[in-house]
Amino acid sequence: MFMDSDTRTVSDKKKKRKTNKEAQLVIRLDTEQRKRFIDACQDIDSSASRELRGFIKKFLKHYEKGEFDD
């Protein structure tokens, strides 16, 4: 019988992922804007969380380079 080298179960993998991201950011936005964003993310086979994390990462990179200074 073929055994995959990764013997962790799906629930083990979810637990591992969960510990990497322990904080939440709650935002308020217009219902229609939220729907359009979710739909757009699904169209590109992504998730809203993934896209927002990417935005935050890029924003912080620019911020830390001082690109937002006057």
PDB file of N, CA and C in Angstrom:
ATOM      1  N   MET A   1       0.843  -1.183   0.000  1.00  0.00           N
ATOM      2  CA  MET A   1       0.000   0.000   0.000  1.00  0.00           C
ATOM      3  C   MET A   1       0.878   1.234   0.000  1.00  0.00           C
ATOM      4  N   PHE A   2       0.542   2.242  -0.813  1.00  0.00           N
ATOM      5  CA  PHE A   2       1.313   3.481  -0.914  1.00  0.00           C
ATOM      6  C   PHE A   2       0.962   4.399   0.247  1.00  0.00           C
ATOM      7  N   MET A   3       1.973   4.886   0.941  1.00  0.00           N
ATOM      8  CA  MET A   3       1.760   5.819   2.049  1.00  0.00           C
ATOM      9  C   MET A   3       2.317   7.176   1.664  1.00  0.00           C
ATOM     10  N   ASP A   4       1.537   8.186   1.863  1.00  0.00           N
ATOM     11  CA  ASP A   4       1.993   9.549   1.610  1.00  0.00           C
ATOM     12  C   ASP A   4       3.015   9.924   2.679  1.00  0.00           C
ATOM     13  N   SER A   5       4.021  10.679   2.302  1.00  0.00           N
ATOM     14  CA  SER A   5       5.054  11.057   3.269  1.00  0.00           C
ATOM     15  C   SER A   5       4.507  11.976   4.348  1.00  0.00           C
ATOM     16  N   ASP A   6       3.422  12.658   4.065  1.00  0.00           N
ATOM     17  CA  ASP A   6       2.790  13.531   5.050  1.00  0.00           C
ATOM     18  C   ASP A   6       1.662  12.754   5.699  1.00  0.00           C
ATOM     19  N   THR A   7       1.891  12.259   6.915  1.00  0.00           N
ATOM     20  CA  THR A   7       0.913  11.392   7.574  1.00  0.00           C
ATOM     21  C   THR A   7      -0.044  12.159   8.478  1.00  0.00           C
ATOM     22  N   ARG A   8       0.036  13.485   8.474  1.00  0.00           N
ATOM     23  CA  ARG A   8      -0.890  14.262   9.298  1.00  0.00           C
ATOM     24  C   ARG A   8      -2.294  14.176   8.721  1.00  0.00           C
ATOM     25  N   THR A   9      -3.277  14.171   9.607  1.00  0.00           N
ATOM     26  CA  THR A   9      -4.663  14.157   9.149  1.00  0.00           C
ATOM     27  C   THR A   9      -5.084  15.572   8.765  1.00  0.00           C
ATOM     28  N   VAL A  10      -6.225  15.670   8.119  1.00  0.00           N
ATOM     29  CA  VAL A  10      -6.729  16.983   7.720  1.00  0.00           C
ATOM     30  C   VAL A  10      -6.922  17.870   8.941  1.00  0.00           C
ATOM     31  N   SER A  11      -7.465  17.311  10.025  1.00  0.00           N
ATOM     32  CA  SER A  11      -7.690  18.122  11.223  1.00  0.00           C
ATOM     33  C   SER A  11      -6.368  18.579  11.831  1.00  0.00           C
ATOM     34  N   ASP A  12      -5.313  17.753  11.748  1.00  0.00           N
ATOM     35  CA  ASP A  12      -3.993  18.165  12.229  1.00  0.00           C
ATOM     36  C   ASP A  12      -3.473  19.338  11.410  1.00  0.00           C
ATOM     37  N   LYS A  13      -3.675  19.287  10.101  1.00  0.00           N
ATOM     38  CA  LYS A  13      -3.217  20.365   9.228  1.00  0.00           C
ATOM     39  C   LYS A  13      -3.968  21.654   9.534  1.00  0.00           C
ATOM     40  N   LYS A  14      -5.269  21.548   9.781  1.00  0.00           N
ATOM     41  CA  LYS A  14      -6.057  22.735  10.104  1.00  0.00           C
ATOM     42  C   LYS A  14      -5.597  23.337  11.426  1.00  0.00           C
ATOM     43  N   LYS A  15      -5.296  22.486  12.402  1.00  0.00           N
ATOM     44  CA  LYS A  15      -4.817  22.979  13.689  1.00  0.00           C
ATOM     45  C   LYS A  15      -3.502  23.714  13.516  1.00  0.00           C
ATOM     46  N   LYS A  16      -2.605  23.162  12.697  1.00  0.00           N
ATOM     47  CA  LYS A  16      -1.312  23.794  12.472  1.00  0.00           C
ATOM     48  C   LYS A  16      -1.502  25.154  11.815  1.00  0.00           C
ATOM     49  N   ARG A  17      -2.339  25.230  10.799  1.00  0.00           N
ATOM     50  CA  ARG A  17      -2.601  26.499  10.122  1.00  0.00           C
ATOM     51  C   ARG A  17      -3.213  27.508  11.078  1.00  0.00           C
ATOM     52  N   LYS A  18      -4.097  27.047  11.924  1.00  0.00           N
ATOM     53  CA  LYS A  18      -4.798  27.945  12.825  1.00  0.00           C
ATOM     54  C   LYS A  18      -3.840  28.625  13.796  1.00  0.00           C
ATOM     55  N   THR A  19      -2.814  27.937  14.232  1.00  0.00           N
ATOM     56  CA  THR A  19      -1.886  28.526  15.187  1.00  0.00           C
ATOM     57  C   THR A  19      -1.010  29.589  14.546  1.00  0.00           C
ATOM     58  N   ASN A  20      -0.856  29.555  13.217  1.00  0.00           N
ATOM     59  CA  ASN A  20      -0.049  30.567  12.552  1.00  0.00           C
ATOM     60  C   ASN A  20      -0.757  31.913  12.491  1.00  0.00           C
ATOM     61  N   LYS A  21      -2.054  31.923  12.471  1.00  0.00           N
ATOM     62  CA  LYS A  21      -2.835  33.147  12.355  1.00  0.00           C
ATOM     63  C   LYS A  21      -3.834  33.174  13.503  1.00  0.00           C
ATOM     64  N   GLU A  22      -3.476  33.824  14.581  1.00  0.00           N
ATOM     65  CA  GLU A  22      -4.339  33.797  15.748  1.00  0.00           C
ATOM     66  C   GLU A  22      -5.128  35.073  15.968  1.00  0.00           C
ATOM     67  N   ALA A  23      -4.855  36.142  15.233  1.00  0.00           N
ATOM     68  CA  ALA A  23      -5.551  37.409  15.436  1.00  0.00           C
ATOM     69  C   ALA A  23      -6.586  37.627  14.341  1.00  0.00           C
ATOM     70  N   GLN A  24      -7.592  38.388  14.685  1.00  0.00           N
ATOM     71  CA  GLN A  24      -8.632  38.729  13.716  1.00  0.00           C
ATOM     72  C   GLN A  24      -8.725  40.241  13.599  1.00  0.00           C
ATOM     73  N   LEU A  25      -9.120  40.700  12.429  1.00  0.00           N
ATOM     74  CA  LEU A  25      -9.353  42.112  12.171  1.00  0.00           C
ATOM     75  C   LEU A  25     -10.783  42.227  11.663  1.00  0.00           C
ATOM     76  N   VAL A  26     -11.607  42.946  12.385  1.00  0.00           N
ATOM     77  CA  VAL A  26     -13.005  43.092  12.010  1.00  0.00           C
ATOM     78  C   VAL A  26     -13.180  44.466  11.371  1.00  0.00           C
ATOM     79  N   ILE A  27     -13.778  44.488  10.180  1.00  0.00           N
ATOM     80  CA  ILE A  27     -14.024  45.762   9.503  1.00  0.00           C
ATOM     81  C   ILE A  27     -15.494  45.868   9.137  1.00  0.00           C
ATOM     82  N   ARG A  28     -15.962  47.082   9.008  1.00  0.00           N
ATOM     83  CA  ARG A  28     -17.341  47.315   8.587  1.00  0.00           C
ATOM     84  C   ARG A  28     -17.308  47.880   7.178  1.00  0.00           C
ATOM     85  N   LEU A  29     -18.141  47.301   6.319  1.00  0.00           N
ATOM     86  CA  LEU A  29     -18.288  47.843   4.980  1.00  0.00           C
ATOM     87  C   LEU A  29     -19.684  47.610   4.469  1.00  0.00           C
ATOM     88  N   ASP A  30     -20.002  48.313   3.428  1.00  0.00           N
ATOM     89  CA  ASP A  30     -21.302  48.217   2.792  1.00  0.00           C
ATOM     90  C   ASP A  30     -21.548  46.777   2.333  1.00  0.00           C
ATOM     91  N   THR A  31     -22.765  46.308   2.512  1.00  0.00           N
ATOM     92  CA  THR A  31     -23.111  44.933   2.150  1.00  0.00           C
ATOM     93  C   THR A  31     -22.826  44.639   0.683  1.00  0.00           C
ATOM     94  N   GLU A  32     -23.196  45.559  -0.199  1.00  0.00           N
ATOM     95  CA  GLU A  32     -22.968  45.350  -1.628  1.00  0.00           C
ATOM     96  C   GLU A  32     -21.472  45.316  -1.950  1.00  0.00           C
ATOM     97  N   GLN A  33     -20.697  46.177  -1.294  1.00  0.00           N
ATOM     98  CA  GLN A  33     -19.245  46.187  -1.517  1.00  0.00           C
ATOM     99  C   GLN A  33     -18.631  44.864  -1.062  1.00  0.00           C
ATOM    100  N   ARG A  34     -19.084  44.356   0.074  1.00  0.00           N
ATOM    101  CA  ARG A  34     -18.592  43.064   0.570  1.00  0.00           C
ATOM    102  C   ARG A  34     -18.910  41.951  -0.426  1.00  0.00           C
ATOM    103  N   LYS A  35     -20.154  41.936  -0.908  1.00  0.00           N
ATOM    104  CA  LYS A  35     -20.566  40.910  -1.868  1.00  0.00           C
ATOM    105  C   LYS A  35     -19.721  40.975  -3.136  1.00  0.00           C
ATOM    106  N   ARG A  36     -19.503  42.160  -3.662  1.00  0.00           N
ATOM    107  CA  ARG A  36     -18.694  42.314  -4.873  1.00  0.00           C
ATOM    108  C   ARG A  36     -17.262  41.844  -4.638  1.00  0.00           C
ATOM    109  N   PHE A  37     -16.709  42.142  -3.453  1.00  0.00           N
ATOM    110  CA  PHE A  37     -15.347  41.720  -3.137  1.00  0.00           C
ATOM    111  C   PHE A  37     -15.258  40.199  -3.045  1.00  0.00           C
ATOM    112  N   ILE A  38     -16.193  39.588  -2.334  1.00  0.00           N
ATOM    113  CA  ILE A  38     -16.220  38.126  -2.205  1.00  0.00           C
ATOM    114  C   ILE A  38     -16.352  37.480  -3.582  1.00  0.00           C
ATOM    115  N   ASP A  39     -17.257  37.999  -4.401  1.00  0.00           N
ATOM    116  CA  ASP A  39     -17.445  37.461  -5.754  1.00  0.00           C
ATOM    117  C   ASP A  39     -16.174  37.592  -6.582  1.00  0.00           C
ATOM    118  N   ALA A  40     -15.511  38.745  -6.492  1.00  0.00           N
ATOM    119  CA  ALA A  40     -14.271  38.959  -7.248  1.00  0.00           C
ATOM    120  C   ALA A  40     -13.194  37.980  -6.801  1.00  0.00           C
ATOM    121  N   CYS A  41     -13.086  37.748  -5.506  1.00  0.00           N
ATOM    122  CA  CYS A  41     -12.095  36.792  -4.988  1.00  0.00           C
ATOM    123  C   CYS A  41     -12.392  35.386  -5.503  1.00  0.00           C
ATOM    124  N   GLN A  42     -13.652  35.003  -5.493  1.00  0.00           N
ATOM    125  CA  GLN A  42     -14.029  33.684  -5.999  1.00  0.00           C
ATOM    126  C   GLN A  42     -13.731  33.563  -7.485  1.00  0.00           C
ATOM    127  N   ASP A  43     -13.937  34.645  -8.233  1.00  0.00           N
ATOM    128  CA  ASP A  43     -13.652  34.626  -9.673  1.00  0.00           C
ATOM    129  C   ASP A  43     -12.186  34.339  -9.967  1.00  0.00           C
ATOM    130  N   ILE A  44     -11.296  34.791  -9.075  1.00  0.00           N
ATOM    131  CA  ILE A  44      -9.861  34.548  -9.287  1.00  0.00           C
ATOM    132  C   ILE A  44      -9.367  33.368  -8.456  1.00  0.00           C
ATOM    133  N   ASP A  45     -10.320  32.542  -7.977  1.00  0.00           N
ATOM    134  CA  ASP A  45     -10.007  31.340  -7.201  1.00  0.00           C
ATOM    135  C   ASP A  45      -9.171  31.669  -5.968  1.00  0.00           C
ATOM    136  N   SER A  46      -9.614  32.670  -5.233  1.00  0.00           N
ATOM    137  CA  SER A  46      -8.922  33.097  -4.021  1.00  0.00           C
ATOM    138  C   SER A  46      -9.970  33.284  -2.932  1.00  0.00           C
ATOM    139  N   SER A  47      -9.523  33.752  -1.782  1.00  0.00           N
ATOM    140  CA  SER A  47     -10.448  34.050  -0.693  1.00  0.00           C
ATOM    141  C   SER A  47     -10.253  35.500  -0.275  1.00  0.00           C
ATOM    142  N   ALA A  48     -11.270  36.050   0.354  1.00  0.00           N
ATOM    143  CA  ALA A  48     -11.176  37.418   0.844  1.00  0.00           C
ATOM    144  C   ALA A  48     -10.032  37.535   1.850  1.00  0.00           C
ATOM    145  N   SER A  49      -9.898  36.567   2.722  1.00  0.00           N
ATOM    146  CA  SER A  49      -8.827  36.600   3.722  1.00  0.00           C
ATOM    147  C   SER A  49      -7.454  36.608   3.071  1.00  0.00           C
ATOM    148  N   ARG A  50      -7.259  35.766   2.079  1.00  0.00           N
ATOM    149  CA  ARG A  50      -5.968  35.691   1.394  1.00  0.00           C
ATOM    150  C   ARG A  50      -5.635  37.031   0.732  1.00  0.00           C
ATOM    151  N   GLU A  51      -6.611  37.615   0.063  1.00  0.00           N
ATOM    152  CA  GLU A  51      -6.378  38.889  -0.626  1.00  0.00           C
ATOM    153  C   GLU A  51      -6.110  40.015   0.364  1.00  0.00           C
ATOM    154  N   LEU A  52      -6.832  40.035   1.475  1.00  0.00           N
ATOM    155  CA  LEU A  52      -6.602  41.074   2.479  1.00  0.00           C
ATOM    156  C   LEU A  52      -5.251  40.904   3.165  1.00  0.00           C
ATOM    157  N   ARG A  53      -4.853  39.655   3.441  1.00  0.00           N
ATOM    158  CA  ARG A  53      -3.518  39.433   4.016  1.00  0.00           C
ATOM    159  C   ARG A  53      -2.445  39.912   3.053  1.00  0.00           C
ATOM    160  N   GLY A  54      -2.629  39.648   1.757  1.00  0.00           N
ATOM    161  CA  GLY A  54      -1.675  40.114   0.754  1.00  0.00           C
ATOM    162  C   GLY A  54      -1.601  41.628   0.710  1.00  0.00           C
ATOM    163  N   PHE A  55      -2.758  42.285   0.780  1.00  0.00           N
ATOM    164  CA  PHE A  55      -2.784  43.743   0.791  1.00  0.00           C
ATOM    165  C   PHE A  55      -2.043  44.288   2.006  1.00  0.00           C
ATOM    166  N   ILE A  56      -2.310  43.721   3.180  1.00  0.00           N
ATOM    167  CA  ILE A  56      -1.670  44.186   4.410  1.00  0.00           C
ATOM    168  C   ILE A  56      -0.163  43.991   4.333  1.00  0.00           C
ATOM    169  N   LYS A  57       0.273  42.848   3.822  1.00  0.00           N
ATOM    170  CA  LYS A  57       1.704  42.571   3.685  1.00  0.00           C
ATOM    171  C   LYS A  57       2.372  43.609   2.779  1.00  0.00           C
ATOM    172  N   LYS A  58       1.756  43.898   1.625  1.00  0.00           N
ATOM    173  CA  LYS A  58       2.313  44.895   0.703  1.00  0.00           C
ATOM    174  C   LYS A  58       2.296  46.290   1.321  1.00  0.00           C
ATOM    175  N   PHE A  59       1.212  46.631   1.990  1.00  0.00           N
ATOM    176  CA  PHE A  59       1.098  47.935   2.631  1.00  0.00           C
ATOM    177  C   PHE A  59       2.214  48.132   3.652  1.00  0.00           C
ATOM    178  N   LEU A  60       2.418  47.130   4.514  1.00  0.00           N
ATOM    179  CA  LEU A  60       3.453  47.240   5.540  1.00  0.00           C
ATOM    180  C   LEU A  60       4.845  47.323   4.933  1.00  0.00           C
ATOM    181  N   LYS A  61       5.071  46.609   3.842  1.00  0.00           N
ATOM    182  CA  LYS A  61       6.361  46.665   3.158  1.00  0.00           C
ATOM    183  C   LYS A  61       6.643  48.095   2.694  1.00  0.00           C
ATOM    184  N   HIS A  62       5.668  48.728   2.061  1.00  0.00           N
ATOM    185  CA  HIS A  62       5.832  50.110   1.608  1.00  0.00           C
ATOM    186  C   HIS A  62       5.966  51.066   2.790  1.00  0.00           C
ATOM    187  N   TYR A  63       5.162  50.859   3.816  1.00  0.00           N
ATOM    188  CA  TYR A  63       5.197  51.715   4.998  1.00  0.00           C
ATOM    189  C   TYR A  63       6.561  51.659   5.678  1.00  0.00           C
ATOM    190  N   GLU A  64       7.084  50.448   5.840  1.00  0.00           N
ATOM    191  CA  GLU A  64       8.365  50.277   6.521  1.00  0.00           C
ATOM    192  C   GLU A  64       9.530  50.825   5.706  1.00  0.00           C
ATOM    193  N   LYS A  65       9.347  50.971   4.398  1.00  0.00           N
ATOM    194  CA  LYS A  65      10.365  51.610   3.559  1.00  0.00           C
ATOM    195  C   LYS A  65      10.253  53.132   3.621  1.00  0.00           C
ATOM    196  N   GLY A  66       9.259  53.638   4.327  1.00  0.00           N
ATOM    197  CA  GLY A  66       9.058  55.075   4.433  1.00  0.00           C
ATOM    198  C   GLY A  66       8.381  55.683   3.223  1.00  0.00           C
ATOM    199  N   GLU A  67       7.717  54.881   2.440  1.00  0.00           N
ATOM    200  CA  GLU A  67       7.104  55.373   1.209  1.00  0.00           C
ATOM    201  C   GLU A  67       5.822  56.160   1.441  1.00  0.00           C
ATOM    202  N   PHE A  68       5.356  56.248   2.672  1.00  0.00           N
ATOM    203  CA  PHE A  68       4.163  57.033   2.969  1.00  0.00           C
ATOM    204  C   PHE A  68       4.503  58.322   3.698  1.00  0.00           C
ATOM    205  N   ASP A  69       5.795  58.583   3.904  1.00  0.00           N
ATOM    206  CA  ASP A  69       6.208  59.816   4.568  1.00  0.00           C
ATOM    207  C   ASP A  69       5.964  61.005   3.655  1.00  0.00           C
ATOM    208  N   ASP A  70       5.673  62.156   4.263  1.00  0.00           N
ATOM    209  CA  ASP A  70       5.481  63.381   3.465  1.00  0.00           C
ATOM    210  C   ASP A  70       6.778  63.890   2.906  1.00  0.00           C
TER     211      ASP A  70
END
